[in-house]
């Protein structure tokens, strides 16, 4: 992962934005404190999709544990399909 201070990022924004298309760019401030991570739109979209998939899987598991399982045929009838 590429790393840049906030000052370096301000002075060379276009270079770091271009670098973020290849790999995440960590922006630090006051020494080593991570302030932000710059990523490409494609990376961001994949990360959000993966997070949503994980949350959906966890919700399904919780529903099954709570007895929220509905047989497919009943669901189709309930939805009128």
PDB file of N, CA and C in Angstrom:
ATOM      1  N   UNK A   1       0.858  -1.164   0.000  1.00  0.00           N
ATOM      2  CA  UNK A   1       0.000   0.000   0.000  1.00  0.00           C
ATOM      3  C   UNK A   1       0.906   1.229   0.000  1.00  0.00           C
ATOM      4  N   UNK A   2       0.588   2.168  -0.859  1.00  0.00           N
ATOM      5  CA  UNK A   2       1.299   3.439  -0.907  1.00  0.00           C
ATOM      6  C   UNK A   2       0.859   4.284   0.278  1.00  0.00           C
ATOM      7  N   UNK A   3       1.790   5.073   0.807  1.00  0.00           N
ATOM      8  CA  UNK A   3       1.473   5.930   1.932  1.00  0.00           C
ATOM      9  C   UNK A   3       1.976   7.339   1.628  1.00  0.00           C
ATOM     10  N   UNK A   4       1.226   8.338   2.072  1.00  0.00           N
ATOM     11  CA  UNK A   4       1.609   9.730   1.871  1.00  0.00           C
ATOM     12  C   UNK A   4       1.126  10.545   3.052  1.00  0.00           C
ATOM     13  N   UNK A   5       1.887  11.573   3.379  1.00  0.00           N
ATOM     14  CA  UNK A   5       1.415  12.485   4.416  1.00  0.00           C
ATOM     15  C   UNK A   5       0.338  13.368   3.803  1.00  0.00           C
ATOM     16  N   UNK A   6      -0.414  14.015   4.631  1.00  0.00           N
ATOM     17  CA  UNK A   6      -1.455  14.917   4.157  1.00  0.00           C
ATOM     18  C   UNK A   6      -0.854  16.029   3.300  1.00  0.00           C
ATOM     19  N   UNK A   7       0.289  16.542   3.703  1.00  0.00           N
ATOM     20  CA  UNK A   7       0.966  17.591   2.932  1.00  0.00           C
ATOM     21  C   UNK A   7       1.392  17.081   1.562  1.00  0.00           C
ATOM     22  N   UNK A   8       1.966  15.868   1.516  1.00  0.00           N
ATOM     23  CA  UNK A   8       2.364  15.279   0.234  1.00  0.00           C
ATOM     24  C   UNK A   8       1.152  15.088  -0.668  1.00  0.00           C
ATOM     25  N   UNK A   9       0.050  14.633  -0.074  1.00  0.00           N
ATOM     26  CA  UNK A   9      -1.160  14.435  -0.858  1.00  0.00           C
ATOM     27  C   UNK A   9      -1.665  15.753  -1.436  1.00  0.00           C
ATOM     28  N   UNK A  10      -1.698  16.802  -0.617  1.00  0.00           N
ATOM     29  CA  UNK A  10      -2.147  18.119  -1.098  1.00  0.00           C
ATOM     30  C   UNK A  10      -1.300  18.602  -2.275  1.00  0.00           C
ATOM     31  N   UNK A  11       0.017  18.382  -2.193  1.00  0.00           N
ATOM     32  CA  UNK A  11       0.922  18.870  -3.223  1.00  0.00           C
ATOM     33  C   UNK A  11       0.929  18.018  -4.491  1.00  0.00           C
ATOM     34  N   UNK A  12       0.491  16.770  -4.393  1.00  0.00           N
ATOM     35  CA  UNK A  12       0.564  15.847  -5.533  1.00  0.00           C
ATOM     36  C   UNK A  12      -0.714  15.031  -5.677  1.00  0.00           C
ATOM     37  N   UNK A  13      -1.854  15.677  -5.561  1.00  0.00           N
ATOM     38  CA  UNK A  13      -3.136  14.962  -5.571  1.00  0.00           C
ATOM     39  C   UNK A  13      -3.306  14.072  -6.787  1.00  0.00           C
ATOM     40  N   UNK A  14      -3.014  14.584  -7.959  1.00  0.00           N
ATOM     41  CA  UNK A  14      -3.258  13.797  -9.183  1.00  0.00           C
ATOM     42  C   UNK A  14      -2.409  12.531  -9.209  1.00  0.00           C
ATOM     43  N   UNK A  15      -1.177  12.600  -8.704  1.00  0.00           N
ATOM     44  CA  UNK A  15      -0.320  11.406  -8.667  1.00  0.00           C
ATOM     45  C   UNK A  15      -0.898  10.344  -7.724  1.00  0.00           C
ATOM     46  N   UNK A  16      -1.369  10.781  -6.563  1.00  0.00           N
ATOM     47  CA  UNK A  16      -1.905   9.830  -5.601  1.00  0.00           C
ATOM     48  C   UNK A  16      -3.260   9.272  -6.036  1.00  0.00           C
ATOM     49  N   UNK A  17      -4.042  10.081  -6.707  1.00  0.00           N
ATOM     50  CA  UNK A  17      -5.315   9.584  -7.249  1.00  0.00           C
ATOM     51  C   UNK A  17      -5.038   8.545  -8.324  1.00  0.00           C
ATOM     52  N   UNK A  18      -4.030   8.793  -9.155  1.00  0.00           N
ATOM     53  CA  UNK A  18      -3.644   7.799 -10.167  1.00  0.00           C
ATOM     54  C   UNK A  18      -3.133   6.524  -9.503  1.00  0.00           C
ATOM     55  N   UNK A  19      -2.342   6.666  -8.447  1.00  0.00           N
ATOM     56  CA  UNK A  19      -1.827   5.492  -7.730  1.00  0.00           C
ATOM     57  C   UNK A  19      -2.963   4.686  -7.111  1.00  0.00           C
ATOM     58  N   UNK A  20      -4.009   5.380  -6.655  1.00  0.00           N
ATOM     59  CA  UNK A  20      -5.145   4.695  -6.016  1.00  0.00           C
ATOM     60  C   UNK A  20      -5.912   3.827  -7.002  1.00  0.00           C
ATOM     61  N   UNK A  21      -5.716   4.036  -8.300  1.00  0.00           N
ATOM     62  CA  UNK A  21      -6.365   3.182  -9.288  1.00  0.00           C
ATOM     63  C   UNK A  21      -5.722   1.794  -9.316  1.00  0.00           C
ATOM     64  N   UNK A  22      -4.477   1.704  -8.809  1.00  0.00           N
ATOM     65  CA  UNK A  22      -3.744   0.437  -8.786  1.00  0.00           C
ATOM     66  C   UNK A  22      -3.765  -0.233  -7.416  1.00  0.00           C
ATOM     67  N   UNK A  23      -3.717   0.586  -6.351  1.00  0.00           N
ATOM     68  CA  UNK A  23      -3.695   0.063  -4.988  1.00  0.00           C
ATOM     69  C   UNK A  23      -4.159   1.156  -4.030  1.00  0.00           C
ATOM     70  N   UNK A  24      -4.642   0.784  -2.853  1.00  0.00           N
ATOM     71  CA  UNK A  24      -5.058   1.796  -1.889  1.00  0.00           C
ATOM     72  C   UNK A  24      -3.896   2.712  -1.499  1.00  0.00           C
ATOM     73  N   UNK A  25      -4.216   3.960  -1.231  1.00  0.00           N
ATOM     74  CA  UNK A  25      -3.216   4.946  -0.792  1.00  0.00           C
ATOM     75  C   UNK A  25      -3.606   5.411   0.609  1.00  0.00           C
ATOM     76  N   UNK A  26      -2.721   5.189   1.545  1.00  0.00           N
ATOM     77  CA  UNK A  26      -2.949   5.586   2.932  1.00  0.00           C
ATOM     78  C   UNK A  26      -2.458   7.024   3.110  1.00  0.00           C
ATOM     79  N   UNK A  27      -3.295   7.867   3.677  1.00  0.00           N
ATOM     80  CA  UNK A  27      -2.923   9.256   3.935  1.00  0.00           C
ATOM     81  C   UNK A  27      -2.772   9.422   5.441  1.00  0.00           C
ATOM     82  N   UNK A  28      -1.583   9.857   5.835  1.00  0.00           N
ATOM     83  CA  UNK A  28      -1.280   9.995   7.254  1.00  0.00           C
ATOM     84  C   UNK A  28      -1.165  11.463   7.637  1.00  0.00           C
ATOM     85  N   UNK A  29      -1.239  11.699   8.925  1.00  0.00           N
ATOM     86  CA  UNK A  29      -1.121  13.054   9.448  1.00  0.00           C
ATOM     87  C   UNK A  29      -0.485  12.985  10.823  1.00  0.00           C
ATOM     88  N   UNK A  30       0.251  14.013  11.167  1.00  0.00           N
ATOM     89  CA  UNK A  30       0.898  14.097  12.479  1.00  0.00           C
ATOM     90  C   UNK A  30       1.723  12.847  12.783  1.00  0.00           C
ATOM     91  N   UNK A  31       2.628  12.569  11.897  1.00  0.00           N
ATOM     92  CA  UNK A  31       3.473  11.409  12.091  1.00  0.00           C
ATOM     93  C   UNK A  31       2.914  10.203  11.372  1.00  0.00           C
ATOM     94  N   UNK A  32       2.365   9.271  12.129  1.00  0.00           N
ATOM     95  CA  UNK A  32       1.912   8.028  11.530  1.00  0.00           C
ATOM     96  C   UNK A  32       0.418   7.783  11.697  1.00  0.00           C
ATOM     97  N   UNK A  33      -0.334   8.751  12.188  1.00  0.00           N
ATOM     98  CA  UNK A  33      -1.771   8.535  12.366  1.00  0.00           C
ATOM     99  C   UNK A  33      -2.472   8.469  11.017  1.00  0.00           C
ATOM    100  N   UNK A  34      -3.112   7.346  10.770  1.00  0.00           N
ATOM    101  CA  UNK A  34      -3.829   7.186   9.508  1.00  0.00           C
ATOM    102  C   UNK A  34      -5.080   8.047   9.542  1.00  0.00           C
ATOM    103  N   UNK A  35      -5.230   8.916   8.547  1.00  0.00           N
ATOM    104  CA  UNK A  35      -6.375   9.818   8.475  1.00  0.00           C
ATOM    105  C   UNK A  35      -7.403   9.369   7.456  1.00  0.00           C
ATOM    106  N   UNK A  36      -6.947   8.751   6.361  1.00  0.00           N
ATOM    107  CA  UNK A  36      -7.854   8.323   5.302  1.00  0.00           C
ATOM    108  C   UNK A  36      -7.147   7.295   4.430  1.00  0.00           C
ATOM    109  N   UNK A  37      -7.961   6.564   3.663  1.00  0.00           N
ATOM    110  CA  UNK A  37      -7.426   5.644   2.668  1.00  0.00           C
ATOM    111  C   UNK A  37      -8.159   5.943   1.367  1.00  0.00           C
ATOM    112  N   UNK A  38      -7.398   6.222   0.338  1.00  0.00           N
ATOM    113  CA  UNK A  38      -7.938   6.556  -0.974  1.00  0.00           C
ATOM    114  C   UNK A  38      -7.933   5.293  -1.830  1.00  0.00           C
ATOM    115  N   UNK A  39      -9.095   4.942  -2.392  1.00  0.00           N
ATOM    116  CA  UNK A  39      -9.197   3.750  -3.232  1.00  0.00           C
ATOM    117  C   UNK A  39      -9.907   4.102  -4.529  1.00  0.00           C
ATOM    118  N   UNK A  40      -9.775   3.220  -5.515  1.00  0.00           N
ATOM    119  CA  UNK A  40     -10.456   3.429  -6.787  1.00  0.00           C
ATOM    120  C   UNK A  40     -11.956   3.202  -6.607  1.00  0.00           C
ATOM    121  N   UNK A  41     -12.765   3.765  -7.486  1.00  0.00           N
ATOM    122  CA  UNK A  41     -14.209   3.517  -7.403  1.00  0.00           C
ATOM    123  C   UNK A  41     -14.547   2.027  -7.518  1.00  0.00           C
ATOM    124  N   UNK A  42     -13.810   1.299  -8.354  1.00  0.00           N
ATOM    125  CA  UNK A  42     -14.066  -0.131  -8.525  1.00  0.00           C
ATOM    126  C   UNK A  42     -13.780  -0.892  -7.229  1.00  0.00           C
ATOM    127  N   UNK A  43     -12.674  -0.549  -6.559  1.00  0.00           N
ATOM    128  CA  UNK A  43     -12.340  -1.189  -5.290  1.00  0.00           C
ATOM    129  C   UNK A  43     -13.415  -0.899  -4.258  1.00  0.00           C
ATOM    130  N   UNK A  44     -13.834   0.353  -4.175  1.00  0.00           N
ATOM    131  CA  UNK A  44     -14.876   0.757  -3.225  1.00  0.00           C
ATOM    132  C   UNK A  44     -16.166  -0.009  -3.480  1.00  0.00           C
ATOM    133  N   UNK A  45     -16.593  -0.091  -4.761  1.00  0.00           N
ATOM    134  CA  UNK A  45     -17.829  -0.802  -5.099  1.00  0.00           C
ATOM    135  C   UNK A  45     -17.745  -2.273  -4.714  1.00  0.00           C
ATOM    136  N   UNK A  46     -16.593  -2.917  -4.987  1.00  0.00           N
ATOM    137  CA  UNK A  46     -16.424  -4.331  -4.619  1.00  0.00           C
ATOM    138  C   UNK A  46     -16.456  -4.505  -3.105  1.00  0.00           C
ATOM    139  N   UNK A  47     -15.823  -3.588  -2.382  1.00  0.00           N
ATOM    140  CA  UNK A  47     -15.793  -3.679  -0.923  1.00  0.00           C
ATOM    141  C   UNK A  47     -17.196  -3.527  -0.335  1.00  0.00           C
ATOM    142  N   UNK A  48     -17.959  -2.568  -0.836  1.00  0.00           N
ATOM    143  CA  UNK A  48     -19.328  -2.364  -0.349  1.00  0.00           C
ATOM    144  C   UNK A  48     -20.189  -3.582  -0.676  1.00  0.00           C
ATOM    145  N   UNK A  49     -20.054  -4.122  -1.876  1.00  0.00           N
ATOM    146  CA  UNK A  49     -20.833  -5.306  -2.259  1.00  0.00           C
ATOM    147  C   UNK A  49     -20.485  -6.492  -1.359  1.00  0.00           C
ATOM    148  N   UNK A  50     -19.200  -6.678  -1.077  1.00  0.00           N
ATOM    149  CA  UNK A  50     -18.778  -7.783  -0.203  1.00  0.00           C
ATOM    150  C   UNK A  50     -19.331  -7.590   1.207  1.00  0.00           C
ATOM    151  N   UNK A  51     -19.313  -6.367   1.691  1.00  0.00           N
ATOM    152  CA  UNK A  51     -19.859  -6.090   3.022  1.00  0.00           C
ATOM    153  C   UNK A  51     -21.360  -6.361   3.058  1.00  0.00           C
ATOM    154  N   UNK A  52     -22.081  -5.926   2.029  1.00  0.00           N
ATOM    155  CA  UNK A  52     -23.525  -6.177   1.977  1.00  0.00           C
ATOM    156  C   UNK A  52     -23.819  -7.675   1.915  1.00  0.00           C
ATOM    157  N   UNK A  53     -23.022  -8.419   1.134  1.00  0.00           N
ATOM    158  CA  UNK A  53     -23.204  -9.871   1.059  1.00  0.00           C
ATOM    159  C   UNK A  53     -22.979 -10.520   2.423  1.00  0.00           C
ATOM    160  N   UNK A  54     -21.945 -10.063   3.131  1.00  0.00           N
ATOM    161  CA  UNK A  54     -21.652 -10.611   4.456  1.00  0.00           C
ATOM    162  C   UNK A  54     -22.797 -10.314   5.425  1.00  0.00           C
ATOM    163  N   UNK A  55     -23.297  -9.093   5.394  1.00  0.00           N
ATOM    164  CA  UNK A  55     -24.411  -8.735   6.271  1.00  0.00           C
ATOM    165  C   UNK A  55     -25.665  -9.534   5.939  1.00  0.00           C
ATOM    166  N   UNK A  56     -25.916  -9.752   4.644  1.00  0.00           N
ATOM    167  CA  UNK A  56     -27.060 -10.567   4.235  1.00  0.00           C
ATOM    168  C   UNK A  56     -26.912 -11.996   4.751  1.00  0.00           C
ATOM    169  N   UNK A  57     -25.713 -12.563   4.628  1.00  0.00           N
ATOM    170  CA  UNK A  57     -25.470 -13.929   5.105  1.00  0.00           C
ATOM    171  C   UNK A  57     -25.685 -14.035   6.609  1.00  0.00           C
ATOM    172  N   UNK A  58     -25.204 -13.024   7.333  1.00  0.00           N
ATOM    173  CA  UNK A  58     -25.393 -13.029   8.782  1.00  0.00           C
ATOM    174  C   UNK A  58     -26.870 -12.913   9.142  1.00  0.00           C
ATOM    175  N   UNK A  59     -27.621 -12.106   8.403  1.00  0.00           N
ATOM    176  CA  UNK A  59     -29.055 -11.958   8.669  1.00  0.00           C
ATOM    177  C   UNK A  59     -29.786 -13.265   8.409  1.00  0.00           C
ATOM    178  N   UNK A  60     -29.412 -13.973   7.357  1.00  0.00           N
ATOM    179  CA  UNK A  60     -30.032 -15.269   7.051  1.00  0.00           C
ATOM    180  C   UNK A  60     -29.739 -16.256   8.169  1.00  0.00           C
ATOM    181  N   UNK A  61     -28.491 -16.289   8.623  1.00  0.00           N
ATOM    182  CA  UNK A  61     -28.119 -17.212   9.696  1.00  0.00           C
ATOM    183  C   UNK A  61     -28.900 -16.906  10.976  1.00  0.00           C
ATOM    184  N   UNK A  62     -29.048 -15.628  11.298  1.00  0.00           N
ATOM    185  CA  UNK A  62     -29.803 -15.255  12.489  1.00  0.00           C
ATOM    186  C   UNK A  62     -31.274 -15.626  12.353  1.00  0.00           C
ATOM    187  N   UNK A  63     -31.834 -15.428  11.168  1.00  0.00           N
ATOM    188  CA  UNK A  63     -33.242 -15.770  10.952  1.00  0.00           C
ATOM    189  C   UNK A  63     -33.455 -17.273  11.091  1.00  0.00           C
ATOM    190  N   UNK A  64     -32.516 -18.055  10.581  1.00  0.00           N
ATOM    191  CA  UNK A  64     -32.640 -19.508  10.695  1.00  0.00           C
ATOM    192  C   UNK A  64     -32.557 -19.948  12.148  1.00  0.00           C
ATOM    193  N   UNK A  65     -31.648 -19.326  12.900  1.00  0.00           N
ATOM    194  CA  UNK A  65     -31.504 -19.674  14.316  1.00  0.00           C
ATOM    195  C   UNK A  65     -32.757 -19.302  15.104  1.00  0.00           C
ATOM    196  N   UNK A  66     -33.429 -18.247  14.689  1.00  0.00           N
ATOM    197  CA  UNK A  66     -34.622 -17.770  15.396  1.00  0.00           C
ATOM    198  C   UNK A  66     -35.889 -18.470  14.910  1.00  0.00           C
ATOM    199  N   UNK A  67     -35.728 -19.441  14.031  1.00  0.00           N
ATOM    200  CA  UNK A  67     -36.885 -20.166  13.518  1.00  0.00           C
ATOM    201  C   UNK A  67     -37.626 -19.393  12.441  1.00  0.00           C
ATOM    202  N   UNK A  68     -36.948 -18.493  11.772  1.00  0.00           N
ATOM    203  CA  UNK A  68     -37.585 -17.677  10.747  1.00  0.00           C
ATOM    204  C   UNK A  68     -37.570 -18.300   9.364  1.00  0.00           C
ATOM    205  N   UNK A  69     -37.315 -19.587   9.293  1.00  0.00           N
ATOM    206  CA  UNK A  69     -37.259 -20.267   8.006  1.00  0.00           C
ATOM    207  C   UNK A  69     -38.666 -20.461   7.457  1.00  0.00           C
ATOM    208  N   UNK A  70     -38.847 -20.098   6.188  1.00  0.00           N
ATOM    209  CA  UNK A  70     -40.130 -20.318   5.504  1.00  0.00           C
ATOM    210  C   UNK A  70     -39.851 -21.202   4.304  1.00  0.00           C
ATOM    211  N   UNK A  71     -40.525 -22.331   4.190  1.00  0.00           N
ATOM    212  CA  UNK A  71     -40.317 -23.196   3.026  1.00  0.00           C
ATOM    213  C   UNK A  71     -40.598 -22.424   1.730  1.00  0.00           C
ATOM    214  N   UNK A  72     -39.865 -22.779   0.703  1.00  0.00           N
ATOM    215  CA  UNK A  72     -39.949 -22.085  -0.581  1.00  0.00           C
ATOM    216  C   UNK A  72     -41.377 -22.021  -1.108  1.00  0.00           C
ATOM    217  N   UNK A  73     -42.096 -23.136  -1.071  1.00  0.00           N
ATOM    218  CA  UNK A  73     -43.471 -23.164  -1.594  1.00  0.00           C
ATOM    219  C   UNK A  73     -44.371 -22.178  -0.849  1.00  0.00           C
ATOM    220  N   UNK A  74     -44.214 -22.112   0.473  1.00  0.00           N
ATOM    221  CA  UNK A  74     -45.020 -21.174   1.251  1.00  0.00           C
ATOM    222  C   UNK A  74     -44.675 -19.730   0.913  1.00  0.00           C
ATOM    223  N   UNK A  75     -43.411 -19.463   0.717  1.00  0.00           N
ATOM    224  CA  UNK A  75     -42.989 -18.116   0.356  1.00  0.00           C
ATOM    225  C   UNK A  75     -43.575 -17.704  -0.988  1.00  0.00           C
ATOM    226  N   UNK A  76     -43.527 -18.628  -1.953  1.00  0.00           N
ATOM    227  CA  UNK A  76     -44.073 -18.332  -3.277  1.00  0.00           C
ATOM    228  C   UNK A  76     -45.578 -18.065  -3.183  1.00  0.00           C
ATOM    229  N   UNK A  77     -46.286 -18.849  -2.373  1.00  0.00           N
ATOM    230  CA  UNK A  77     -47.723 -18.625  -2.185  1.00  0.00           C
ATOM    231  C   UNK A  77     -47.975 -17.269  -1.525  1.00  0.00           C
ATOM    232  N   UNK A  78     -47.187 -16.966  -0.502  1.00  0.00           N
ATOM    233  CA  UNK A  78     -47.358 -15.700   0.207  1.00  0.00           C
ATOM    234  C   UNK A  78     -47.111 -14.508  -0.719  1.00  0.00           C
ATOM    235  N   UNK A  79     -46.154 -14.647  -1.633  1.00  0.00           N
ATOM    236  CA  UNK A  79     -45.866 -13.575  -2.573  1.00  0.00           C
ATOM    237  C   UNK A  79     -46.777 -13.587  -3.783  1.00  0.00           C
ATOM    238  N   UNK A  80     -47.594 -14.584  -3.903  1.00  0.00           N
ATOM    239  CA  UNK A  80     -48.514 -14.681  -5.037  1.00  0.00           C
ATOM    240  C   UNK A  80     -47.823 -15.058  -6.331  1.00  0.00           C
ATOM    241  N   UNK A  81     -46.759 -15.803  -6.232  1.00  0.00           N
ATOM    242  CA  UNK A  81     -45.998 -16.200  -7.433  1.00  0.00           C
ATOM    243  C   UNK A  81     -46.160 -17.664  -7.751  1.00  0.00           C
TER     244      UNK A  81
END
